[in-house]
Amino acid sequence: MLLAIRFKVEGSLRFLSHAETLKLFQRACVRAGLAIRYSEGFNPRPKLSLPLPRSVGVESDEELLCLRVAREPLTEDPAADEQRELRIKEALARQLPEGCELISVSTAGAGDSFAPRSATYVFSVRPEYVTEELKATIERLLSSEHLPVRRSMDEEKAKFKNVDVRGFLNSIKLADSSIIAECAISPAGSIRVEEILMLLGLDEGKLAAPVRRTNVQWQND
């Protein structure tokens, strides 16, 4: 049985890496009594995944965890299925630390897969940095046909490649003191948070709050 688990990440938990977030949920599922399915072979691994990895330091209003558990008896009673999902949600929510809030648990089809298609990022800028220059930069990004960036390809930042990220930037606008960027996601990739900041001429010291990911659009195949 495939469970689609939606949750929020904020506060100090935003600094968890992709692998650490998976480990957090693996332990929480075990403590909640969920019968996680494991891969076969010499080194079995739990069948759980995060289809849209979150950058370290970024808060998120909607994360998705796909988890395979032992199938429970099927019913033809929607109310019974809802009760099962609610029971799983309550059991799992009790095992999650502060900063990780469970939104929903739903049962997906056995062959379903989830592919992200777009996500919105909110950058809250300190008032003193909301300048005419910043507004002009946003206009320039929107009018540009190409936005080349030099992308790091390893953790040591020893390897780089040039990437044109213009096709991944659907829109970007300034609303009060927040910059809202909607980014396309495809099998070819997407634009990174640090690349958006670089193109805007900003750094974390000029932000009034952590970067936040919102409004993720999924394609369920």
C-alpha atoms as a PDB file:
ATOM      1  CA  MET A   1       0.000   0.000   0.000  1.00  0.00           C
ATOM      2  CA  LEU A   2       1.349   3.404  -0.990  1.00  0.00           C
ATOM      3  CA  LEU A   3       0.776   6.299   1.393  1.00  0.00           C
ATOM      4  CA  ALA A   4       1.127   9.929   0.309  1.00  0.00           C
ATOM      5  CA  ILE A   5       2.090  11.912   3.401  1.00  0.00           C
ATOM      6  CA  ARG A   6       2.061  15.710   3.260  1.00  0.00           C
ATOM      7  CA  PHE A   7       3.810  17.781   5.925  1.00  0.00           C
ATOM      8  CA  LYS A   8       5.345  21.164   6.757  1.00  0.00           C
ATOM      9  CA  VAL A   9       8.929  21.914   7.739  1.00  0.00           C
ATOM     10  CA  GLU A  10       9.892  25.046   9.647  1.00  0.00           C
ATOM     11  CA  GLY A  11      12.104  26.347  12.419  1.00  0.00           C
ATOM     12  CA  SER A  12      15.381  24.585  13.116  1.00  0.00           C
ATOM     13  CA  LEU A  13      14.249  21.469  11.222  1.00  0.00           C
ATOM     14  CA  ARG A  14      14.760  23.386   7.979  1.00  0.00           C
ATOM     15  CA  PHE A  15      18.461  22.622   8.372  1.00  0.00           C
ATOM     16  CA  LEU A  16      17.878  18.857   7.998  1.00  0.00           C
ATOM     17  CA  SER A  17      19.346  17.406   4.833  1.00  0.00           C
ATOM     18  CA  HIS A  18      17.416  15.179   2.433  1.00  0.00           C
ATOM     19  CA  ALA A  19      18.922  12.037   3.984  1.00  0.00           C
ATOM     20  CA  GLU A  20      18.271  13.265   7.535  1.00  0.00           C
ATOM     21  CA  THR A  21      14.620  13.996   6.727  1.00  0.00           C
ATOM     22  CA  LEU A  22      14.167  10.462   5.400  1.00  0.00           C
ATOM     23  CA  LYS A  23      15.807   9.059   8.537  1.00  0.00           C
ATOM     24  CA  LEU A  24      13.523  11.184  10.732  1.00  0.00           C
ATOM     25  CA  PHE A  25      10.428   9.714   9.075  1.00  0.00           C
ATOM     26  CA  GLN A  26      11.801   6.195   9.062  1.00  0.00           C
ATOM     27  CA  ARG A  27      12.247   6.324  12.833  1.00  0.00           C
ATOM     28  CA  ALA A  28       8.885   8.024  13.366  1.00  0.00           C
ATOM     29  CA  CYS A  29       7.121   5.338  11.290  1.00  0.00           C
ATOM     30  CA  VAL A  30       8.738   2.559  13.308  1.00  0.00           C
ATOM     31  CA  ARG A  31       7.724   4.191  16.610  1.00  0.00           C
ATOM     32  CA  ALA A  32       4.187   4.717  15.239  1.00  0.00           C
ATOM     33  CA  GLY A  33       3.912   0.999  14.496  1.00  0.00           C
ATOM     34  CA  LEU A  34       3.671   1.306  10.712  1.00  0.00           C
ATOM     35  CA  ALA A  35       4.704  -1.820   8.831  1.00  0.00           C
ATOM     36  CA  ILE A  36       7.188  -0.259   6.399  1.00  0.00           C
ATOM     37  CA  ARG A  37       8.037  -2.310   3.332  1.00  0.00           C
ATOM     38  CA  TYR A  38      11.720  -2.897   2.569  1.00  0.00           C
ATOM     39  CA  SER A  39      13.572  -3.593  -0.640  1.00  0.00           C
ATOM     40  CA  GLU A  40      14.982  -7.069  -1.214  1.00  0.00           C
ATOM     41  CA  GLY A  41      18.628  -7.996  -1.470  1.00  0.00           C
ATOM     42  CA  PHE A  42      21.742  -7.970   0.676  1.00  0.00           C
ATOM     43  CA  ASN A  43      21.126  -4.456   2.039  1.00  0.00           C
ATOM     44  CA  PRO A  44      17.343  -3.925   2.403  1.00  0.00           C
ATOM     45  CA  ARG A  45      16.228  -0.301   2.443  1.00  0.00           C
ATOM     46  CA  PRO A  46      12.895   1.142   3.565  1.00  0.00           C
ATOM     47  CA  LYS A  47      10.593   2.042   0.692  1.00  0.00           C
ATOM     48  CA  LEU A  48      10.109   5.738   1.367  1.00  0.00           C
ATOM     49  CA  SER A  49      11.053   8.714  -0.770  1.00  0.00           C
ATOM     50  CA  LEU A  50      10.797  12.485  -1.052  1.00  0.00           C
ATOM     51  CA  PRO A  51      10.010  13.208  -4.728  1.00  0.00           C
ATOM     52  CA  LEU A  52      11.005  16.881  -4.395  1.00  0.00           C
ATOM     53  CA  PRO A  53      14.126  17.275  -2.221  1.00  0.00           C
ATOM     54  CA  ARG A  54      14.163  20.465  -0.147  1.00  0.00           C
ATOM     55  CA  SER A  55      17.258  22.653  -0.040  1.00  0.00           C
ATOM     56  CA  VAL A  56      18.886  22.823   3.386  1.00  0.00           C
ATOM     57  CA  GLY A  57      17.765  25.968   5.205  1.00  0.00           C
ATOM     58  CA  VAL A  58      14.471  26.299   3.292  1.00  0.00           C
ATOM     59  CA  GLU A  59      11.143  26.078   5.108  1.00  0.00           C
ATOM     60  CA  SER A  60       8.252  24.414   3.323  1.00  0.00           C
ATOM     61  CA  ASP A  61       4.465  24.568   3.501  1.00  0.00           C
ATOM     62  CA  GLU A  62       3.967  21.344   1.578  1.00  0.00           C
ATOM     63  CA  GLU A  63       6.420  18.462   1.528  1.00  0.00           C
ATOM     64  CA  LEU A  64       5.454  15.059   0.145  1.00  0.00           C
ATOM     65  CA  LEU A  65       6.683  11.720   1.455  1.00  0.00           C
ATOM     66  CA  CYS A  66       5.808   8.519  -0.426  1.00  0.00           C
ATOM     67  CA  LEU A  67       5.779   5.519   1.893  1.00  0.00           C
ATOM     68  CA  ARG A  68       5.053   1.879   1.120  1.00  0.00           C
ATOM     69  CA  VAL A  69       3.611  -0.167   3.966  1.00  0.00           C
ATOM     70  CA  ALA A  70       2.139  -3.645   4.289  1.00  0.00           C
ATOM     71  CA  ARG A  71      -1.306  -3.698   2.702  1.00  0.00           C
ATOM     72  CA  GLU A  72      -4.293  -3.711   5.013  1.00  0.00           C
ATOM     73  CA  PRO A  73      -7.564  -5.440   4.044  1.00  0.00           C
ATOM     74  CA  LEU A  74      -9.429  -3.410   1.416  1.00  0.00           C
ATOM     75  CA  THR A  75     -12.942  -2.247   2.117  1.00  0.00           C
ATOM     76  CA  GLU A  76     -15.791  -0.859   0.070  1.00  0.00           C
ATOM     77  CA  ASP A  77     -16.623   1.598   2.819  1.00  0.00           C
ATOM     78  CA  PRO A  78     -15.083   5.061   2.219  1.00  0.00           C
ATOM     79  CA  ALA A  79     -15.686   5.951   5.856  1.00  0.00           C
ATOM     80  CA  ALA A  80     -13.615   2.967   6.988  1.00  0.00           C
ATOM     81  CA  ASP A  81     -10.775   3.982   4.667  1.00  0.00           C
ATOM     82  CA  GLU A  82     -10.895   7.536   6.021  1.00  0.00           C
ATOM     83  CA  GLN A  83     -10.739   6.229   9.564  1.00  0.00           C
ATOM     84  CA  ARG A  84      -7.681   4.139   8.696  1.00  0.00           C
ATOM     85  CA  GLU A  85      -5.908   7.152   7.187  1.00  0.00           C
ATOM     86  CA  LEU A  86      -6.838   9.280  10.224  1.00  0.00           C
ATOM     87  CA  ARG A  87      -5.526   6.588  12.575  1.00  0.00           C
ATOM     88  CA  ILE A  88      -2.203   6.481  10.694  1.00  0.00           C
ATOM     89  CA  LYS A  89      -1.973  10.275  10.689  1.00  0.00           C
ATOM     90  CA  GLU A  90      -2.582  10.558  14.430  1.00  0.00           C
ATOM     91  CA  ALA A  91      -0.113   7.792  15.261  1.00  0.00           C
ATOM     92  CA  LEU A  92       2.596   9.291  13.064  1.00  0.00           C
ATOM     93  CA  ALA A  93       1.985  12.899  14.148  1.00  0.00           C
ATOM     94  CA  ARG A  94       2.687  11.939  17.763  1.00  0.00           C
ATOM     95  CA  GLN A  95       6.183  10.789  16.798  1.00  0.00           C
ATOM     96  CA  LEU A  96       7.281  13.876  14.858  1.00  0.00           C
ATOM     97  CA  PRO A  97       9.352  16.632  16.489  1.00  0.00           C
ATOM     98  CA  GLU A  98       8.419  20.291  16.751  1.00  0.00           C
ATOM     99  CA  GLY A  99       8.921  21.977  13.405  1.00  0.00           C
ATOM    100  CA  CYS A 100       7.498  19.065  11.413  1.00  0.00           C
ATOM    101  CA  GLU A 101       3.715  19.296  11.142  1.00  0.00           C
ATOM    102  CA  LEU A 102       1.687  16.559   9.476  1.00  0.00           C
ATOM    103  CA  ILE A 103      -0.952  17.897   7.072  1.00  0.00           C
ATOM    104  CA  SER A 104      -2.551  14.773   5.634  1.00  0.00           C
ATOM    105  CA  VAL A 105      -2.179  11.054   4.982  1.00  0.00           C
ATOM    106  CA  SER A 106      -3.894   9.531   1.965  1.00  0.00           C
ATOM    107  CA  THR A 107      -3.811   6.181   0.193  1.00  0.00           C
ATOM    108  CA  ALA A 108      -2.556   6.251  -3.391  1.00  0.00           C
ATOM    109  CA  GLY A 109      -2.831   3.614  -6.070  1.00  0.00           C
ATOM    110  CA  ALA A 110      -0.189   0.888  -5.963  1.00  0.00           C
ATOM    111  CA  GLY A 111       1.290   1.994  -9.291  1.00  0.00           C
ATOM    112  CA  ASP A 112       0.968   5.728  -8.724  1.00  0.00           C
ATOM    113  CA  SER A 113       3.962   8.043  -8.879  1.00  0.00           C
ATOM    114  CA  PHE A 114       4.254  11.736  -8.078  1.00  0.00           C
ATOM    115  CA  ALA A 115       6.221  14.157 -10.233  1.00  0.00           C
ATOM    116  CA  PRO A 116       6.617  17.831  -9.252  1.00  0.00           C
ATOM    117  CA  ARG A 117       5.813  20.314 -12.015  1.00  0.00           C
ATOM    118  CA  SER A 118       6.281  23.679 -10.287  1.00  0.00           C
ATOM    119  CA  ALA A 119       6.947  25.267  -6.912  1.00  0.00           C
ATOM    120  CA  THR A 120       6.774  28.789  -5.536  1.00  0.00           C
ATOM    121  CA  TYR A 121       9.490  30.301  -3.343  1.00  0.00           C
ATOM    122  CA  VAL A 122       8.981  33.312  -1.085  1.00  0.00           C
ATOM    123  CA  PHE A 123      11.953  35.524  -0.206  1.00  0.00           C
ATOM    124  CA  SER A 124      11.169  38.035   2.567  1.00  0.00           C
ATOM    125  CA  VAL A 125      13.565  40.946   2.075  1.00  0.00           C
ATOM    126  CA  ARG A 126      14.596  43.393   4.775  1.00  0.00           C
ATOM    127  CA  PRO A 127      12.896  46.756   4.065  1.00  0.00           C
ATOM    128  CA  GLU A 128      16.192  48.615   3.619  1.00  0.00           C
ATOM    129  CA  TYR A 129      17.075  46.339   0.691  1.00  0.00           C
ATOM    130  CA  VAL A 130      13.777  46.816  -1.171  1.00  0.00           C
ATOM    131  CA  THR A 131      15.247  49.413  -3.500  1.00  0.00           C
ATOM    132  CA  GLU A 132      14.653  50.720  -6.984  1.00  0.00           C
ATOM    133  CA  GLU A 133      17.720  48.755  -8.027  1.00  0.00           C
ATOM    134  CA  LEU A 134      16.109  45.527  -6.806  1.00  0.00           C
ATOM    135  CA  LYS A 135      12.902  46.350  -8.694  1.00  0.00           C
ATOM    136  CA  ALA A 136      14.919  47.010 -11.851  1.00  0.00           C
ATOM    137  CA  THR A 137      16.742  43.709 -11.403  1.00  0.00           C
ATOM    138  CA  ILE A 138      13.435  41.830 -11.258  1.00  0.00           C
ATOM    139  CA  GLU A 139      12.256  43.551 -14.441  1.00  0.00           C
ATOM    140  CA  ARG A 140      15.526  42.669 -16.146  1.00  0.00           C
ATOM    141  CA  LEU A 141      15.199  39.008 -15.196  1.00  0.00           C
ATOM    142  CA  LEU A 142      11.671  38.885 -16.601  1.00  0.00           C
ATOM    143  CA  SER A 143      12.692  40.476 -19.880  1.00  0.00           C
ATOM    144  CA  SER A 144      15.804  38.345 -20.387  1.00  0.00           C
ATOM    145  CA  GLU A 145      15.771  35.520 -22.921  1.00  0.00           C
ATOM    146  CA  HIS A 146      18.655  33.761 -21.210  1.00  0.00           C
ATOM    147  CA  LEU A 147      19.835  33.613 -17.607  1.00  0.00           C
ATOM    148  CA  PRO A 148      23.165  31.753 -17.527  1.00  0.00           C
ATOM    149  CA  VAL A 149      24.493  30.659 -14.134  1.00  0.00           C
ATOM    150  CA  ARG A 150      27.585  28.740 -13.079  1.00  0.00           C
ATOM    151  CA  ARG A 151      26.260  25.725 -11.196  1.00  0.00           C
ATOM    152  CA  SER A 152      28.238  23.719  -8.667  1.00  0.00           C
ATOM    153  CA  MET A 153      28.052  19.991  -9.403  1.00  0.00           C
ATOM    154  CA  ASP A 154      29.497  18.539  -6.186  1.00  0.00           C
ATOM    155  CA  GLU A 155      29.530  19.219  -2.451  1.00  0.00           C
ATOM    156  CA  GLU A 156      33.179  20.280  -2.548  1.00  0.00           C
ATOM    157  CA  LYS A 157      32.291  22.862  -5.228  1.00  0.00           C
ATOM    158  CA  ALA A 158      35.201  21.674  -7.312  1.00  0.00           C
ATOM    159  CA  LYS A 159      33.171  20.985 -10.450  1.00  0.00           C
ATOM    160  CA  PHE A 160      30.942  23.478 -12.247  1.00  0.00           C
ATOM    161  CA  LYS A 161      28.890  23.707 -15.404  1.00  0.00           C
ATOM    162  CA  ASN A 162      27.109  26.568 -17.148  1.00  0.00           C
ATOM    163  CA  VAL A 163      23.300  26.320 -17.096  1.00  0.00           C
ATOM    164  CA  ASP A 164      20.666  28.585 -18.656  1.00  0.00           C
ATOM    165  CA  VAL A 165      17.935  28.728 -16.000  1.00  0.00           C
ATOM    166  CA  ARG A 166      15.570  31.131 -17.781  1.00  0.00           C
ATOM    167  CA  GLY A 167      13.251  28.307 -18.832  1.00  0.00           C
ATOM    168  CA  PHE A 168      12.795  27.305 -15.195  1.00  0.00           C
ATOM    169  CA  LEU A 169      11.723  30.760 -14.008  1.00  0.00           C
ATOM    170  CA  ASN A 170       7.995  31.018 -14.760  1.00  0.00           C
ATOM    171  CA  SER A 171       7.468  34.301 -12.955  1.00  0.00           C
ATOM    172  CA  ILE A 172       9.016  36.559 -10.339  1.00  0.00           C
ATOM    173  CA  LYS A 173       7.434  39.579  -8.672  1.00  0.00           C
ATOM    174  CA  LEU A 174       7.776  41.898  -5.706  1.00  0.00           C
ATOM    175  CA  ALA A 175       4.791  42.008  -3.336  1.00  0.00           C
ATOM    176  CA  ASP A 176       5.338  44.473  -0.487  1.00  0.00           C
ATOM    177  CA  SER A 177       8.725  43.355   0.845  1.00  0.00           C
ATOM    178  CA  SER A 178       8.563  39.768  -0.421  1.00  0.00           C
ATOM    179  CA  ILE A 179       9.836  38.401  -3.708  1.00  0.00           C
ATOM    180  CA  ILE A 180       7.679  35.560  -5.028  1.00  0.00           C
ATOM    181  CA  ALA A 181       9.224  33.302  -7.648  1.00  0.00           C
ATOM    182  CA  GLU A 182       7.316  30.519  -9.398  1.00  0.00           C
ATOM    183  CA  CYS A 183       9.704  27.912 -10.758  1.00  0.00           C
ATOM    184  CA  ALA A 184       9.109  25.171 -13.292  1.00  0.00           C
ATOM    185  CA  ILE A 185      10.334  21.661 -12.504  1.00  0.00           C
ATOM    186  CA  SER A 186      10.957  19.043 -15.182  1.00  0.00           C
ATOM    187  CA  PRO A 187      13.074  15.933 -15.753  1.00  0.00           C
ATOM    188  CA  ALA A 188      15.749  18.366 -16.969  1.00  0.00           C
ATOM    189  CA  GLY A 189      15.844  19.958 -13.526  1.00  0.00           C
ATOM    190  CA  SER A 190      14.928  23.359 -12.124  1.00  0.00           C
ATOM    191  CA  ILE A 191      16.471  26.559 -10.818  1.00  0.00           C
ATOM    192  CA  ARG A 192      18.079  26.431  -7.360  1.00  0.00           C
ATOM    193  CA  VAL A 193      17.292  28.739  -4.459  1.00  0.00           C
ATOM    194  CA  GLU A 194      20.876  29.993  -4.277  1.00  0.00           C
ATOM    195  CA  GLU A 195      20.764  30.751  -8.008  1.00  0.00           C
ATOM    196  CA  ILE A 196      17.649  32.897  -7.592  1.00  0.00           C
ATOM    197  CA  LEU A 197      19.347  34.836  -4.789  1.00  0.00           C
ATOM    198  CA  MET A 198      22.463  35.294  -6.908  1.00  0.00           C
ATOM    199  CA  LEU A 199      20.466  36.582  -9.881  1.00  0.00           C
ATOM    200  CA  LEU A 200      18.669  39.032  -7.586  1.00  0.00           C
ATOM    201  CA  GLY A 201      21.915  40.242  -6.045  1.00  0.00           C
ATOM    202  CA  LEU A 202      20.771  39.126  -2.590  1.00  0.00           C
ATOM    203  CA  ASP A 203      22.187  36.915   0.133  1.00  0.00           C
ATOM    204  CA  GLU A 204      20.734  35.435   3.318  1.00  0.00           C
ATOM    205  CA  GLY A 205      21.920  38.443   5.322  1.00  0.00           C
ATOM    206  CA  LYS A 206      19.483  40.641   3.376  1.00  0.00           C
ATOM    207  CA  LEU A 207      16.500  38.409   4.115  1.00  0.00           C
ATOM    208  CA  ALA A 208      14.069  39.062   6.967  1.00  0.00           C
ATOM    209  CA  ALA A 209      13.011  35.414   7.285  1.00  0.00           C
ATOM    210  CA  PRO A 210      14.002  31.969   5.997  1.00  0.00           C
ATOM    211  CA  VAL A 211      13.225  31.200   2.359  1.00  0.00           C
ATOM    212  CA  ARG A 212       9.913  29.356   2.159  1.00  0.00           C
ATOM    213  CA  ARG A 213       8.643  26.928  -0.470  1.00  0.00           C
ATOM    214  CA  THR A 214       4.901  27.016  -1.111  1.00  0.00           C
ATOM    215  CA  ASN A 215       2.283  25.874  -3.601  1.00  0.00           C
ATOM    216  CA  VAL A 216       3.944  22.802  -5.088  1.00  0.00           C
ATOM    217  CA  GLN A 217       2.087  21.461  -8.124  1.00  0.00           C
ATOM    218  CA  TRP A 218       2.210  17.685  -8.636  1.00  0.00           C
ATOM    219  CA  GLN A 219       1.439  15.396 -11.529  1.00  0.00           C
ATOM    220  CA  ASN A 220       0.102  12.093 -10.292  1.00  0.00           C
ATOM    221  CA  ASP A 221       0.690   9.334 -12.876  1.00  0.00           C
END
